Amino acid sequence: MADPKRSLRRAKLLERVRAVEKRAHALEAQAAEENRARLEGVAARSLGLASDYAATARVSDGLELRARHALASGLRDISVQAAGNAEQARRMADAKLAELAGAEQRRRAAEDHATGLDRAIRAPKPDASPARKSGTALE
């Protein structure tokens, strides 16, 4: 049987490693969520600008109409591309959150294992061998 105190030290080290792993996954998930939110904002703003430029209320001639139409079309294209990138970023953020959940489970399992070893070490030890009565009941 391995030395219980050595096993406990190893379990506590593994617990710390798992905690660091969890923090790293949390930072990655946060960055992915921020990226998703930024891309969704770009998509919404560019679509809003496209609709503003598409309005033809104050157009003075055909050249200005054509320029506004070209600009609005370009902004709509940017919006569609940004929305697609935001969807991809959402999937990436969901994957990072799933990795974070897995890291938390591994950290919790390492913590539970270390706690169990600590309790086993601190538990009172039964006598190595109980005193055996010799003889018979008649003695």
Protein backbone atom coordinates (compact mmCIF):
# COMPACT_ATOMS: atom_id res chain seq x y z
CA MET A 1 0.00 0.00 0.00
CA ALA A 2 1.30 3.47 -0.86
CA ASP A 3 2.09 5.96 1.86
CA PRO A 4 -1.25 7.68 2.66
CA LYS A 5 0.33 11.08 3.33
CA ARG A 6 2.13 10.96 0.01
CA SER A 7 -1.12 10.02 -1.71
CA LEU A 8 -2.84 12.94 0.01
CA ARG A 9 -0.11 15.38 -1.13
CA ARG A 10 -0.49 14.10 -4.68
CA ALA A 11 -4.30 14.41 -4.49
CA LYS A 12 -4.05 18.00 -3.20
CA LEU A 13 -1.61 18.84 -6.00
CA LEU A 14 -4.02 17.37 -8.54
CA GLU A 15 -6.81 19.42 -6.98
CA ARG A 16 -4.77 22.63 -7.42
CA VAL A 17 -3.96 21.70 -11.02
CA ARG A 18 -7.65 21.13 -11.72
CA ALA A 19 -8.50 24.52 -10.15
CA VAL A 20 -5.97 26.23 -12.44
CA GLU A 21 -7.40 24.34 -15.41
CA LYS A 22 -10.90 25.51 -14.47
CA ARG A 23 -9.76 29.15 -14.24
CA ALA A 24 -8.12 28.89 -17.68
CA HIS A 25 -11.32 27.48 -19.17
CA ALA A 26 -13.34 30.22 -17.47
CA LEU A 27 -11.14 32.90 -19.05
CA GLU A 28 -11.48 31.26 -22.49
CA ALA A 29 -15.26 31.05 -22.10
CA GLN A 30 -15.42 34.71 -21.07
CA ALA A 31 -13.33 35.77 -24.07
CA ALA A 32 -15.55 33.73 -26.42
CA GLU A 33 -18.69 35.33 -24.95
CA GLU A 34 -17.22 38.82 -25.32
CA ASN A 35 -16.30 38.07 -28.95
CA ARG A 36 -19.83 36.82 -29.65
CA ALA A 37 -21.39 39.92 -28.11
CA ARG A 38 -19.05 42.22 -30.05
CA LEU A 39 -19.88 40.50 -33.35
CA GLU A 40 -23.61 40.65 -32.66
CA GLY A 41 -23.23 44.37 -31.96
CA VAL A 42 -21.38 44.89 -35.25
CA ALA A 43 -24.11 43.02 -37.13
CA ALA A 44 -26.87 45.09 -35.52
CA ARG A 45 -25.12 48.43 -36.03
CA SER A 46 -24.24 47.74 -39.66
CA LEU A 47 -27.81 46.62 -40.39
CA GLY A 48 -29.12 49.81 -38.78
CA LEU A 49 -26.74 51.92 -40.84
CA ALA A 50 -27.76 50.06 -44.00
CA SER A 51 -31.42 50.81 -43.38
CA ASP A 52 -30.58 54.48 -42.69
CA TYR A 53 -28.66 54.81 -45.94
CA ALA A 54 -31.33 52.93 -47.88
CA ALA A 55 -33.90 55.61 -47.01
CA THR A 56 -34.43 57.69 -50.13
CA ALA A 57 -36.31 60.63 -48.62
CA ARG A 58 -33.56 63.22 -49.17
CA VAL A 59 -31.99 62.06 -52.43
CA SER A 60 -31.30 64.88 -54.91
CA ASP A 61 -30.27 62.94 -58.02
CA GLY A 62 -29.67 59.48 -59.47
CA LEU A 63 -25.95 59.46 -58.68
CA GLU A 64 -26.62 60.02 -54.99
CA LEU A 65 -29.33 57.32 -55.10
CA ARG A 66 -26.89 54.87 -56.67
CA ALA A 67 -24.18 55.73 -54.12
CA ARG A 68 -26.61 55.30 -51.21
CA HIS A 69 -27.81 52.01 -52.63
CA ALA A 70 -24.23 50.74 -53.04
CA LEU A 71 -23.32 51.80 -49.51
CA ALA A 72 -26.48 50.26 -48.05
CA SER A 73 -25.83 47.03 -49.96
CA GLY A 74 -22.25 46.88 -48.67
CA LEU A 75 -23.41 47.49 -45.12
CA ARG A 76 -26.03 44.73 -45.44
CA ASP A 77 -23.29 42.37 -46.67
CA ILE A 78 -21.15 43.31 -43.67
CA SER A 79 -24.13 42.73 -41.39
CA VAL A 80 -24.82 39.28 -42.87
CA GLN A 81 -21.15 38.32 -42.56
CA ALA A 82 -20.95 39.63 -38.98
CA ALA A 83 -24.14 37.74 -38.08
CA GLY A 84 -22.62 34.54 -39.47
CA ASN A 85 -19.43 35.17 -37.52
CA ALA A 86 -21.49 35.87 -34.40
CA GLU A 87 -23.28 32.54 -34.83
CA GLN A 88 -19.94 30.78 -35.17
CA ALA A 89 -18.69 32.65 -32.09
CA ARG A 90 -21.83 31.56 -30.21
CA ARG A 91 -21.09 27.92 -31.03
CA MET A 92 -17.50 28.44 -29.90
CA ALA A 93 -18.68 30.07 -26.67
CA ASP A 94 -21.06 27.17 -26.03
CA ALA A 95 -18.19 24.72 -26.54
CA LYS A 96 -15.99 26.71 -24.15
CA LEU A 97 -18.76 26.72 -21.55
CA ALA A 98 -19.07 22.93 -21.92
CA GLU A 99 -15.30 22.63 -21.41
CA LEU A 100 -15.63 24.83 -18.33
CA ALA A 101 -18.35 22.56 -16.93
CA GLY A 102 -16.13 19.51 -17.52
CA ALA A 103 -13.19 21.22 -15.83
CA GLU A 104 -15.39 22.04 -12.84
CA GLN A 105 -16.47 18.39 -12.59
CA ARG A 106 -12.85 17.22 -12.71
CA ARG A 107 -11.88 19.79 -10.07
CA ARG A 108 -14.74 18.72 -7.84
CA ALA A 109 -13.81 15.04 -8.24
CA ALA A 110 -10.18 15.81 -7.32
CA GLU A 111 -11.37 17.80 -4.31
CA ASP A 112 -13.65 14.96 -3.18
CA HIS A 113 -10.82 12.45 -3.60
CA ALA A 114 -8.43 14.59 -1.54
CA THR A 115 -11.07 15.09 1.15
CA GLY A 116 -11.71 11.35 1.30
CA LEU A 117 -8.00 10.60 1.66
CA ASP A 118 -7.67 13.24 4.37
CA ARG A 119 -10.58 11.73 6.31
CA ALA A 120 -9.11 8.24 5.93
CA ILE A 121 -5.76 9.42 7.30
CA ARG A 122 -7.34 11.26 10.24
CA ALA A 123 -9.78 8.46 11.12
CA PRO A 124 -8.92 6.55 14.29
CA LYS A 125 -7.10 3.34 13.50
CA PRO A 126 -8.48 0.08 14.84
CA ASP A 127 -6.10 -2.08 16.85
CA ALA A 128 -3.81 -4.07 14.66
CA SER A 129 -4.98 -7.34 16.14
CA PRO A 130 -7.39 -7.79 19.00
CA ALA A 131 -6.15 -9.69 21.99
CA ARG A 132 -7.05 -13.29 21.53
CA LYS A 133 -8.27 -15.25 24.41
CA SER A 134 -6.47 -18.47 24.87
CA GLY A 135 -7.93 -21.56 26.27
CA THR A 136 -11.53 -22.49 26.64
CA ALA A 137 -14.46 -21.17 28.57
CA LEU A 138 -13.83 -23.83 31.21
CA GLU A 139 -10.51 -22.37 32.28
